Amino acid sequence: MLSRSIFSLARSSGAPASLSRAHTSIVHRAMGTASPPLVAAADVPDIPPPSVFDKIVRVTIIDPSGARRTIPAYVGQSLYAACELNGVDLGPASIGAAQQKIRSDTWTEPLYGEGATSGFDHVLLQGGNEGVSLVEPPHSNEIKMLEKYWDEDEIFPESRLASMVEINDKMDGMVVYVPDRLVDDIP
């Protein structure tokens, strides 16, 4: 109550909207709390502000011909979107179906339009469990689409659908292999 009256008094007396250090000190004394300590500029560590580059990783794409191309990808976007923005053709995106996102042991959230509907954008993540362990495990619908569209000998533990892989900061430097595409342009 006392602090409210001090703030009201400061505003009614023509004081600026942002109270000065002296006014906040009065409030803290009236409330029986300690004023926040002043920090000298020399005491503040030299931490650079966050940058957009903190949210960008580099991913190397190797196409079926063996050509390598390193592309920037934003953390949080799908691997498919990163490839599409950088002119790497992976075929049609396989998104649009409903899927469940596991939020806890007892609750799953239905996400409509975010599940896999086809297996055209098949990619192989770098080296065995090393690459696969850096991303979330595949959803059961993604595995079904891979099995439906690709032969058994073309699916590996590293197989994923690019539209289902979310870029994260651990993927910086990852190599992604693009196998031969399925025919998707039948007239």
N, C-alpha and C. Protein backbone atom coordinates (compact mmCIF):
# COMPACT_ATOMS: atom_id res chain seq x y z
N MET A 1 0.83 -1.18 0.00
CA MET A 1 0.00 0.00 0.00
C MET A 1 0.87 1.24 0.00
N LEU A 2 1.90 1.25 0.84
CA LEU A 2 2.79 2.39 0.93
C LEU A 2 3.51 2.62 -0.39
N SER A 3 3.96 1.53 -1.03
CA SER A 3 4.67 1.70 -2.29
C SER A 3 3.76 2.29 -3.35
N ARG A 4 2.49 1.91 -3.34
CA ARG A 4 1.55 2.46 -4.32
C ARG A 4 1.41 3.96 -4.12
N SER A 5 1.32 4.41 -2.86
CA SER A 5 1.16 5.84 -2.61
C SER A 5 2.41 6.61 -3.01
N ILE A 6 3.58 6.04 -2.85
CA ILE A 6 4.81 6.72 -3.26
C ILE A 6 4.85 6.85 -4.77
N PHE A 7 4.46 5.77 -5.50
CA PHE A 7 4.43 5.84 -6.96
C PHE A 7 3.40 6.86 -7.41
N SER A 8 2.22 6.89 -6.76
CA SER A 8 1.17 7.85 -7.12
C SER A 8 1.66 9.27 -6.88
N LEU A 9 2.32 9.49 -5.74
CA LEU A 9 2.85 10.80 -5.40
C LEU A 9 3.88 11.25 -6.43
N ALA A 10 4.75 10.34 -6.84
CA ALA A 10 5.78 10.69 -7.81
C ALA A 10 5.16 11.08 -9.14
N ARG A 11 4.12 10.37 -9.55
CA ARG A 11 3.48 10.68 -10.83
C ARG A 11 2.70 11.99 -10.76
N SER A 12 1.99 12.22 -9.64
CA SER A 12 1.18 13.43 -9.52
C SER A 12 2.04 14.68 -9.36
N SER A 13 3.28 14.52 -8.90
CA SER A 13 4.15 15.67 -8.71
C SER A 13 4.86 16.08 -9.99
N GLY A 14 4.52 15.43 -11.10
CA GLY A 14 5.14 15.80 -12.37
C GLY A 14 6.43 15.06 -12.64
N ALA A 15 6.74 14.04 -11.86
CA ALA A 15 7.95 13.24 -12.09
C ALA A 15 7.78 12.45 -13.37
N PRO A 16 8.88 12.14 -14.04
CA PRO A 16 8.77 11.36 -15.27
C PRO A 16 8.18 9.97 -14.98
N ALA A 17 7.63 9.35 -16.03
CA ALA A 17 6.99 8.03 -15.88
C ALA A 17 7.96 7.00 -15.34
N SER A 18 9.21 7.06 -15.77
CA SER A 18 10.20 6.13 -15.23
C SER A 18 10.85 6.77 -14.02
N LEU A 19 10.62 6.19 -12.86
CA LEU A 19 11.15 6.77 -11.63
C LEU A 19 12.67 6.69 -11.60
N SER A 20 13.28 7.66 -10.97
CA SER A 20 14.74 7.68 -10.89
C SER A 20 15.22 6.67 -9.86
N ARG A 21 16.51 6.52 -9.77
CA ARG A 21 17.13 5.59 -8.81
C ARG A 21 16.77 5.99 -7.38
N ALA A 22 16.69 7.28 -7.11
CA ALA A 22 16.36 7.75 -5.76
C ALA A 22 14.94 7.34 -5.38
N HIS A 23 14.01 7.46 -6.31
CA HIS A 23 12.63 7.08 -6.03
C HIS A 23 12.51 5.59 -5.76
N THR A 24 13.17 4.76 -6.54
CA THR A 24 13.07 3.32 -6.31
C THR A 24 13.70 2.94 -4.99
N SER A 25 14.72 3.66 -4.59
CA SER A 25 15.36 3.41 -3.31
C SER A 25 14.40 3.73 -2.17
N ILE A 26 13.62 4.81 -2.30
CA ILE A 26 12.63 5.17 -1.29
C ILE A 26 11.60 4.05 -1.17
N VAL A 27 11.16 3.55 -2.31
CA VAL A 27 10.16 2.47 -2.31
C VAL A 27 10.70 1.24 -1.61
N HIS A 28 11.93 0.86 -1.90
CA HIS A 28 12.51 -0.33 -1.27
C HIS A 28 12.66 -0.14 0.23
N ARG A 29 13.06 1.07 0.67
CA ARG A 29 13.18 1.31 2.11
C ARG A 29 11.81 1.23 2.79
N ALA A 30 10.80 1.82 2.15
CA ALA A 30 9.45 1.81 2.73
C ALA A 30 8.90 0.39 2.82
N MET A 31 9.25 -0.44 1.85
CA MET A 31 8.75 -1.81 1.84
C MET A 31 9.61 -2.74 2.68
N GLY A 32 10.74 -2.26 3.17
CA GLY A 32 11.60 -3.08 4.00
C GLY A 32 12.44 -4.06 3.20
N THR A 33 12.64 -3.78 1.92
CA THR A 33 13.47 -4.65 1.09
C THR A 33 14.74 -3.91 0.70
N ALA A 34 15.74 -4.65 0.31
CA ALA A 34 17.01 -4.05 -0.09
C ALA A 34 16.91 -3.53 -1.51
N SER A 35 17.54 -2.40 -1.75
CA SER A 35 17.60 -1.86 -3.11
C SER A 35 18.49 -2.75 -3.95
N PRO A 36 18.17 -2.88 -5.23
CA PRO A 36 19.07 -3.65 -6.08
C PRO A 36 20.43 -2.97 -6.16
N PRO A 37 21.51 -3.72 -6.07
CA PRO A 37 22.84 -3.10 -6.07
C PRO A 37 23.17 -2.51 -7.45
N LEU A 38 23.92 -1.42 -7.40
CA LEU A 38 24.41 -0.84 -8.64
C LEU A 38 25.55 -1.69 -9.16
N VAL A 39 25.62 -1.86 -10.45
CA VAL A 39 26.66 -2.67 -11.06
C VAL A 39 27.53 -1.76 -11.91
N ALA A 40 28.80 -1.78 -11.64
CA ALA A 40 29.73 -0.98 -12.44
C ALA A 40 29.92 -1.63 -13.79
N ALA A 41 30.18 -0.83 -14.80
CA ALA A 41 30.37 -1.36 -16.15
C ALA A 41 31.52 -2.36 -16.20
N ALA A 42 32.52 -2.18 -15.36
CA ALA A 42 33.68 -3.08 -15.36
C ALA A 42 33.31 -4.46 -14.80
N ASP A 43 32.23 -4.52 -13.99
CA ASP A 43 31.82 -5.79 -13.39
C ASP A 43 31.02 -6.68 -14.34
N VAL A 44 30.52 -6.11 -15.41
CA VAL A 44 29.70 -6.87 -16.35
C VAL A 44 30.61 -7.61 -17.32
N PRO A 45 30.45 -8.94 -17.43
CA PRO A 45 31.31 -9.68 -18.36
C PRO A 45 31.01 -9.29 -19.81
N ASP A 46 31.99 -9.48 -20.64
CA ASP A 46 31.86 -9.15 -22.06
C ASP A 46 31.15 -10.28 -22.79
N ILE A 47 29.85 -10.33 -22.69
CA ILE A 47 29.06 -11.35 -23.37
C ILE A 47 28.39 -10.68 -24.56
N PRO A 48 28.68 -11.17 -25.75
CA PRO A 48 28.06 -10.53 -26.92
C PRO A 48 26.56 -10.81 -26.94
N PRO A 49 25.78 -9.89 -27.48
CA PRO A 49 24.34 -10.13 -27.58
C PRO A 49 24.06 -11.27 -28.54
N PRO A 50 22.91 -11.94 -28.39
CA PRO A 50 22.60 -13.03 -29.31
C PRO A 50 22.50 -12.52 -30.74
N SER A 51 22.85 -13.38 -31.65
CA SER A 51 22.87 -13.02 -33.06
C SER A 51 22.07 -14.03 -33.85
N VAL A 52 21.66 -13.64 -35.05
CA VAL A 52 20.95 -14.57 -35.93
C VAL A 52 21.86 -15.75 -36.28
N PHE A 53 23.17 -15.54 -36.24
CA PHE A 53 24.11 -16.62 -36.55
C PHE A 53 24.10 -17.70 -35.47
N ASP A 54 23.60 -17.37 -34.26
CA ASP A 54 23.45 -18.39 -33.23
C ASP A 54 22.35 -19.38 -33.58
N LYS A 55 21.48 -19.00 -34.49
CA LYS A 55 20.34 -19.82 -34.88
C LYS A 55 20.53 -20.47 -36.24
N ILE A 56 21.70 -20.35 -36.83
CA ILE A 56 21.96 -20.92 -38.15
C ILE A 56 22.99 -22.03 -38.03
N VAL A 57 22.71 -23.17 -38.64
CA VAL A 57 23.68 -24.26 -38.71
C VAL A 57 23.98 -24.53 -40.18
N ARG A 58 25.07 -25.18 -40.43
CA ARG A 58 25.46 -25.54 -41.80
C ARG A 58 25.26 -27.04 -41.97
N VAL A 59 24.57 -27.40 -43.03
CA VAL A 59 24.29 -28.80 -43.34
C VAL A 59 24.80 -29.07 -44.74
N THR A 60 25.56 -30.15 -44.92
CA THR A 60 26.06 -30.52 -46.24
C THR A 60 25.14 -31.56 -46.86
N ILE A 61 24.67 -31.25 -48.06
CA ILE A 61 23.77 -32.14 -48.79
C ILE A 61 24.58 -32.81 -49.90
N ILE A 62 24.51 -34.13 -49.99
CA ILE A 62 25.16 -34.86 -51.08
C ILE A 62 24.06 -35.48 -51.93
N ASP A 63 23.96 -35.03 -53.19
CA ASP A 63 22.88 -35.52 -54.06
C ASP A 63 23.26 -36.86 -54.67
N PRO A 64 22.35 -37.50 -55.41
CA PRO A 64 22.62 -38.83 -55.97
C PRO A 64 23.84 -38.88 -56.90
N SER A 65 24.20 -37.75 -57.52
CA SER A 65 25.37 -37.74 -58.41
C SER A 65 26.68 -37.62 -57.63
N GLY A 66 26.60 -37.35 -56.32
CA GLY A 66 27.80 -37.21 -55.50
C GLY A 66 28.21 -35.76 -55.28
N ALA A 67 27.49 -34.82 -55.88
CA ALA A 67 27.81 -33.40 -55.70
C ALA A 67 27.48 -32.97 -54.28
N ARG A 68 28.42 -32.23 -53.67
CA ARG A 68 28.24 -31.75 -52.30
C ARG A 68 27.85 -30.28 -52.32
N ARG A 69 26.96 -29.93 -51.43
CA ARG A 69 26.54 -28.53 -51.32
C ARG A 69 26.25 -28.24 -49.86
N THR A 70 26.92 -27.25 -49.29
CA THR A 70 26.68 -26.87 -47.91
C THR A 70 25.68 -25.72 -47.89
N ILE A 71 24.62 -25.90 -47.13
CA ILE A 71 23.56 -24.89 -47.08
C ILE A 71 23.36 -24.41 -45.64
N PRO A 72 22.94 -23.15 -45.47
CA PRO A 72 22.57 -22.69 -44.13
C PRO A 72 21.15 -23.14 -43.81
N ALA A 73 20.91 -23.46 -42.55
CA ALA A 73 19.57 -23.88 -42.12
C ALA A 73 19.28 -23.23 -40.77
N TYR A 74 18.08 -22.74 -40.61
CA TYR A 74 17.68 -22.11 -39.36
C TYR A 74 17.21 -23.16 -38.36
N VAL A 75 17.65 -23.02 -37.12
CA VAL A 75 17.21 -23.92 -36.06
C VAL A 75 15.69 -23.78 -35.92
N GLY A 76 15.00 -24.91 -35.93
CA GLY A 76 13.55 -24.93 -35.79
C GLY A 76 12.80 -25.19 -37.08
N GLN A 77 13.44 -24.97 -38.23
CA GLN A 77 12.76 -25.26 -39.48
C GLN A 77 13.03 -26.70 -39.89
N SER A 78 12.25 -27.20 -40.83
CA SER A 78 12.47 -28.58 -41.26
C SER A 78 13.65 -28.64 -42.23
N LEU A 79 14.24 -29.81 -42.32
CA LEU A 79 15.34 -30.02 -43.26
C LEU A 79 14.84 -29.79 -44.68
N TYR A 80 13.61 -30.20 -44.96
CA TYR A 80 13.03 -30.00 -46.29
C TYR A 80 12.94 -28.51 -46.62
N ALA A 81 12.46 -27.70 -45.67
CA ALA A 81 12.33 -26.26 -45.89
C ALA A 81 13.69 -25.62 -46.14
N ALA A 82 14.71 -26.05 -45.39
CA ALA A 82 16.06 -25.51 -45.59
C ALA A 82 16.57 -25.84 -46.98
N CYS A 83 16.34 -27.06 -47.43
CA CYS A 83 16.77 -27.45 -48.78
C CYS A 83 16.01 -26.67 -49.83
N GLU A 84 14.72 -26.53 -49.65
CA GLU A 84 13.89 -25.81 -50.62
C GLU A 84 14.32 -24.34 -50.72
N LEU A 85 14.60 -23.70 -49.59
CA LEU A 85 15.03 -22.30 -49.59
C LEU A 85 16.37 -22.11 -50.27
N ASN A 86 17.18 -23.16 -50.31
CA ASN A 86 18.52 -23.07 -50.90
C ASN A 86 18.61 -23.76 -52.25
N GLY A 87 17.49 -24.06 -52.86
CA GLY A 87 17.47 -24.60 -54.22
C GLY A 87 17.85 -26.06 -54.36
N VAL A 88 17.77 -26.83 -53.28
CA VAL A 88 18.05 -28.27 -53.34
C VAL A 88 16.71 -28.98 -53.52
N ASP A 89 16.56 -29.71 -54.62
CA ASP A 89 15.29 -30.38 -54.92
C ASP A 89 15.25 -31.76 -54.29
N LEU A 90 14.30 -31.97 -53.40
CA LEU A 90 14.12 -33.27 -52.75
C LEU A 90 12.84 -33.96 -53.20
N GLY A 91 12.12 -33.36 -54.13
CA GLY A 91 10.84 -33.92 -54.55
C GLY A 91 9.73 -33.31 -53.72
N PRO A 92 8.52 -33.86 -53.85
CA PRO A 92 7.38 -33.31 -53.10
C PRO A 92 7.55 -33.52 -51.60
N ALA A 93 7.10 -32.53 -50.84
CA ALA A 93 7.12 -32.64 -49.38
C ALA A 93 6.08 -33.66 -48.94
N SER A 94 6.37 -34.33 -47.87
CA SER A 94 5.45 -35.38 -47.40
C SER A 94 4.74 -34.96 -46.13
N ILE A 95 4.16 -33.76 -46.13
CA ILE A 95 3.45 -33.29 -44.94
C ILE A 95 1.97 -33.13 -45.24
N GLY A 96 1.16 -33.15 -44.22
CA GLY A 96 -0.27 -32.94 -44.38
C GLY A 96 -1.14 -33.88 -43.57
N ALA A 97 -0.60 -34.95 -43.03
CA ALA A 97 -1.41 -35.91 -42.27
C ALA A 97 -1.42 -35.53 -40.79
N ALA A 98 -2.36 -36.10 -40.07
CA ALA A 98 -2.42 -35.90 -38.62
C ALA A 98 -1.38 -36.79 -37.95
N GLN A 99 -0.83 -36.31 -36.87
CA GLN A 99 0.09 -37.12 -36.07
C GLN A 99 -0.05 -36.72 -34.62
N GLN A 100 0.47 -37.53 -33.73
CA GLN A 100 0.43 -37.26 -32.30
C GLN A 100 1.81 -36.81 -31.84
N LYS A 101 1.88 -35.75 -31.06
CA LYS A 101 3.13 -35.30 -30.45
C LYS A 101 3.08 -35.69 -28.99
N ILE A 102 4.07 -36.45 -28.53
CA ILE A 102 4.10 -36.90 -27.14
C ILE A 102 4.64 -35.76 -26.29
N ARG A 103 3.82 -35.24 -25.39
CA ARG A 103 4.20 -34.13 -24.52
C ARG A 103 4.64 -34.60 -23.14
N SER A 104 4.11 -35.73 -22.69
CA SER A 104 4.50 -36.32 -21.41
C SER A 104 4.10 -37.79 -21.44
N ASP A 105 4.31 -38.48 -20.33
CA ASP A 105 3.94 -39.90 -20.27
C ASP A 105 2.44 -40.12 -20.39
N THR A 106 1.66 -39.11 -20.03
CA THR A 106 0.21 -39.28 -20.00
C THR A 106 -0.54 -38.43 -21.02
N TRP A 107 0.16 -37.58 -21.77
CA TRP A 107 -0.55 -36.67 -22.66
C TRP A 107 0.11 -36.59 -24.02
N THR A 108 -0.69 -36.79 -25.05
CA THR A 108 -0.23 -36.58 -26.42
C THR A 108 -1.12 -35.53 -27.06
N GLU A 109 -0.53 -34.73 -27.93
CA GLU A 109 -1.27 -33.66 -28.58
C GLU A 109 -1.45 -33.98 -30.05
N PRO A 110 -2.68 -33.95 -30.55
CA PRO A 110 -2.86 -34.18 -31.99
C PRO A 110 -2.41 -32.94 -32.78
N LEU A 111 -1.57 -33.15 -33.76
CA LEU A 111 -1.09 -32.07 -34.62
C LEU A 111 -1.59 -32.36 -36.03
N TYR A 112 -2.58 -31.64 -36.45
CA TYR A 112 -3.19 -31.90 -37.75
C TYR A 112 -2.42 -31.17 -38.84
N GLY A 113 -2.09 -31.89 -39.91
CA GLY A 113 -1.39 -31.30 -41.03
C GLY A 113 0.11 -31.34 -40.92
N GLU A 114 0.65 -31.96 -39.87
CA GLU A 114 2.10 -31.99 -39.69
C GLU A 114 2.70 -33.38 -39.86
N GLY A 115 1.89 -34.38 -40.10
CA GLY A 115 2.39 -35.74 -40.25
C GLY A 115 2.76 -36.07 -41.68
N ALA A 116 3.43 -37.20 -41.85
CA ALA A 116 3.88 -37.63 -43.18
C ALA A 116 2.72 -38.22 -43.98
N THR A 117 2.66 -37.85 -45.27
CA THR A 117 1.63 -38.39 -46.17
C THR A 117 2.24 -39.17 -47.32
N SER A 118 3.53 -39.03 -47.54
CA SER A 118 4.21 -39.76 -48.62
C SER A 118 5.66 -39.97 -48.21
N GLY A 119 6.42 -40.61 -49.08
CA GLY A 119 7.82 -40.89 -48.76
C GLY A 119 8.78 -40.36 -49.80
N PHE A 120 8.38 -39.34 -50.53
CA PHE A 120 9.22 -38.84 -51.62
C PHE A 120 10.50 -38.15 -51.14
N ASP A 121 10.47 -37.47 -50.00
CA ASP A 121 11.63 -36.69 -49.56
C ASP A 121 12.54 -37.48 -48.61
N HIS A 122 12.85 -38.70 -49.00
CA HIS A 122 13.71 -39.61 -48.23
C HIS A 122 15.15 -39.11 -48.25
N VAL A 123 15.78 -39.04 -47.08
CA VAL A 123 17.20 -38.68 -46.95
C VAL A 123 17.85 -39.63 -45.96
N LEU A 124 19.17 -39.68 -45.99
CA LEU A 124 19.95 -40.47 -45.03
C LEU A 124 20.80 -39.52 -44.22
N LEU A 125 20.66 -39.56 -42.90
CA LEU A 125 21.45 -38.69 -42.04
C LEU A 125 22.82 -39.30 -41.80
N GLN A 126 23.81 -38.47 -41.61
CA GLN A 126 25.21 -38.87 -41.51
C GLN A 126 25.45 -39.99 -40.52
N GLY A 127 26.36 -40.83 -40.89
CA GLY A 127 26.99 -41.89 -40.15
C GLY A 127 26.30 -42.59 -39.01
N GLY A 128 25.58 -43.61 -39.27
CA GLY A 128 25.05 -44.50 -38.24
C GLY A 128 24.23 -43.78 -37.19
N ASN A 129 24.39 -44.21 -35.95
CA ASN A 129 23.61 -43.63 -34.86
C ASN A 129 24.04 -42.22 -34.52
N GLU A 130 25.23 -41.82 -34.96
CA GLU A 130 25.72 -40.48 -34.64
C GLU A 130 24.78 -39.41 -35.18
N GLY A 131 24.43 -39.50 -36.46
CA GLY A 131 23.55 -38.50 -37.07
C GLY A 131 22.11 -38.64 -36.62
N VAL A 132 21.64 -39.86 -36.53
CA VAL A 132 20.25 -40.10 -36.16
C VAL A 132 19.99 -39.69 -34.72
N SER A 133 20.96 -39.85 -33.85
CA SER A 133 20.77 -39.51 -32.44
C SER A 133 20.69 -38.01 -32.20
N LEU A 134 21.07 -37.21 -33.18
CA LEU A 134 21.02 -35.75 -33.02
C LEU A 134 19.64 -35.17 -33.28
N VAL A 135 18.74 -35.96 -33.82
CA VAL A 135 17.38 -35.48 -34.11
C VAL A 135 16.37 -36.32 -33.33
N GLU A 136 15.14 -35.82 -33.26
CA GLU A 136 14.09 -36.58 -32.58
C GLU A 136 13.84 -37.88 -33.33
N PRO A 137 13.46 -38.94 -32.62
CA PRO A 137 13.19 -40.21 -33.30
C PRO A 137 11.99 -40.07 -34.25
N PRO A 138 11.95 -40.90 -35.28
CA PRO A 138 10.84 -40.80 -36.24
C PRO A 138 9.51 -41.23 -35.62
N HIS A 139 8.47 -40.59 -36.05
CA HIS A 139 7.12 -40.94 -35.64
C HIS A 139 6.71 -42.21 -36.39
N SER A 140 5.80 -42.96 -35.84
CA SER A 140 5.39 -44.22 -36.48
C SER A 140 4.83 -43.99 -37.88
N ASN A 141 4.16 -42.87 -38.10
CA ASN A 141 3.62 -42.57 -39.42
C ASN A 141 4.75 -42.35 -40.44
N GLU A 142 5.84 -41.73 -40.01
CA GLU A 142 6.99 -41.53 -40.90
C GLU A 142 7.60 -42.87 -41.31
N ILE A 143 7.72 -43.78 -40.37
CA ILE A 143 8.27 -45.11 -40.66
C ILE A 143 7.35 -45.85 -41.64
N LYS A 144 6.04 -45.74 -41.44
CA LYS A 144 5.08 -46.38 -42.35
C LYS A 144 5.23 -45.84 -43.77
N MET A 145 5.42 -44.53 -43.91
CA MET A 145 5.55 -43.93 -45.24
C MET A 145 6.86 -44.36 -45.91
N LEU A 146 7.93 -44.46 -45.15
CA LEU A 146 9.19 -44.95 -45.72
C LEU A 146 9.02 -46.38 -46.22
N GLU A 147 8.38 -47.23 -45.41
CA GLU A 147 8.18 -48.63 -45.80
C GLU A 147 7.22 -48.76 -46.98
N LYS A 148 6.27 -47.86 -47.09
CA LYS A 148 5.30 -47.92 -48.17
C LYS A 148 5.90 -47.48 -49.51
N TYR A 149 6.77 -46.48 -49.50
CA TYR A 149 7.29 -45.90 -50.73
C TYR A 149 8.64 -46.46 -51.16
N TRP A 150 9.40 -47.01 -50.23
CA TRP A 150 10.75 -47.48 -50.55
C TRP A 150 10.86 -48.98 -50.31
N ASP A 151 11.72 -49.63 -51.09
CA ASP A 151 11.96 -51.06 -50.90
C ASP A 151 12.72 -51.28 -49.61
N GLU A 152 12.62 -52.50 -49.11
CA GLU A 152 13.27 -52.84 -47.84
C GLU A 152 14.78 -52.62 -47.88
N ASP A 153 15.41 -52.90 -49.03
CA ASP A 153 16.86 -52.74 -49.12
C ASP A 153 17.28 -51.28 -49.33
N GLU A 154 16.33 -50.36 -49.45
CA GLU A 154 16.64 -48.93 -49.61
C GLU A 154 16.41 -48.14 -48.32
N ILE A 155 15.94 -48.82 -47.28
CA ILE A 155 15.69 -48.17 -46.00
C ILE A 155 16.77 -48.60 -45.02
N PHE A 156 17.36 -47.62 -44.35
CA PHE A 156 18.45 -47.86 -43.41
C PHE A 156 18.09 -47.24 -42.06
N PRO A 157 18.84 -47.55 -41.00
CA PRO A 157 18.57 -46.90 -39.71
C PRO A 157 18.69 -45.37 -39.79
N GLU A 158 19.47 -44.88 -40.77
CA GLU A 158 19.67 -43.44 -40.93
C GLU A 158 18.59 -42.80 -41.79
N SER A 159 17.65 -43.58 -42.31
CA SER A 159 16.61 -43.07 -43.21
C SER A 159 15.62 -42.20 -42.46
N ARG A 160 15.32 -41.05 -43.04
CA ARG A 160 14.31 -40.13 -42.52
C ARG A 160 13.65 -39.41 -43.67
N LEU A 161 12.51 -38.81 -43.42
CA LEU A 161 11.86 -37.93 -44.38
C LEU A 161 12.28 -36.51 -44.04
N ALA A 162 12.80 -35.79 -45.02
CA ALA A 162 13.35 -34.45 -44.77
C ALA A 162 12.32 -33.50 -44.18
N SER A 163 11.06 -33.65 -44.55
CA SER A 163 10.04 -32.75 -44.02
C SER A 163 9.70 -33.04 -42.56
N MET A 164 10.15 -34.18 -42.03
CA MET A 164 9.88 -34.55 -40.64
C MET A 164 11.07 -34.30 -39.72
N VAL A 165 12.23 -33.92 -40.28
CA VAL A 165 13.43 -33.67 -39.47
C VAL A 165 13.49 -32.19 -39.15
N GLU A 166 13.44 -31.86 -37.85
CA GLU A 166 13.54 -30.47 -37.42
C GLU A 166 15.01 -30.14 -37.15
N ILE A 167 15.47 -29.05 -37.75
CA ILE A 167 16.86 -28.61 -37.58
C ILE A 167 17.07 -28.19 -36.13
N ASN A 168 18.18 -28.64 -35.53
CA ASN A 168 18.56 -28.19 -34.19
C ASN A 168 20.04 -27.82 -34.19
N ASP A 169 20.49 -27.17 -33.14
CA ASP A 169 21.87 -26.66 -33.11
C ASP A 169 22.92 -27.76 -33.09
N LYS A 170 22.56 -28.98 -32.71
CA LYS A 170 23.51 -30.10 -32.71
C LYS A 170 23.82 -30.59 -34.12
N MET A 171 23.00 -30.20 -35.09
CA MET A 171 23.17 -30.68 -36.47
C MET A 171 24.20 -29.89 -37.26
N ASP A 172 24.85 -28.91 -36.65
CA ASP A 172 25.84 -28.11 -37.36
C ASP A 172 26.95 -29.02 -37.90
N GLY A 173 27.16 -28.99 -39.21
CA GLY A 173 28.18 -29.81 -39.85
C GLY A 173 27.68 -31.18 -40.30
N MET A 174 26.43 -31.49 -40.07
CA MET A 174 25.89 -32.80 -40.45
C MET A 174 25.90 -32.98 -41.96
N VAL A 175 26.12 -34.21 -42.38
CA VAL A 175 26.07 -34.57 -43.80
C VAL A 175 24.77 -35.34 -44.04
N VAL A 176 24.04 -34.94 -45.08
CA VAL A 176 22.77 -35.57 -45.43
C VAL A 176 22.89 -36.11 -46.84
N TYR A 177 22.66 -37.40 -47.00
CA TYR A 177 22.73 -38.04 -48.32
C TYR A 177 21.32 -38.12 -48.90
N VAL A 178 21.20 -37.75 -50.16
CA VAL A 178 19.91 -37.82 -50.86
C VAL A 178 19.98 -39.00 -51.83
N PRO A 179 19.20 -40.06 -51.61
CA PRO A 179 19.23 -41.20 -52.54
C PRO A 179 18.53 -40.84 -53.85
N ASP A 180 18.63 -41.73 -54.83
CA ASP A 180 17.91 -41.52 -56.09
C ASP A 180 16.44 -41.30 -55.79
N ARG A 181 15.85 -40.37 -56.52
CA ARG A 181 14.45 -40.02 -56.28
C ARG A 181 13.50 -41.04 -56.87
N LEU A 182 12.33 -41.11 -56.26
CA LEU A 182 11.23 -41.88 -56.83
C LEU A 182 10.64 -41.07 -57.97
N VAL A 183 10.04 -41.74 -58.91
CA VAL A 183 9.37 -41.04 -60.01
C VAL A 183 8.11 -40.40 -59.44
N ASP A 184 8.04 -39.07 -59.50
CA ASP A 184 6.88 -38.37 -58.95
C ASP A 184 6.22 -37.44 -59.96
N ASP A 185 6.64 -37.52 -61.21
CA ASP A 185 6.09 -36.62 -62.22
C ASP A 185 5.41 -37.37 -63.37
N ILE A 186 4.70 -38.43 -63.02
CA ILE A 186 4.00 -39.22 -64.04
C ILE A 186 2.82 -38.41 -64.56
N PRO A 187 2.72 -38.26 -65.90
CA PRO A 187 1.62 -37.44 -66.45
C PRO A 187 0.27 -38.09 -66.29
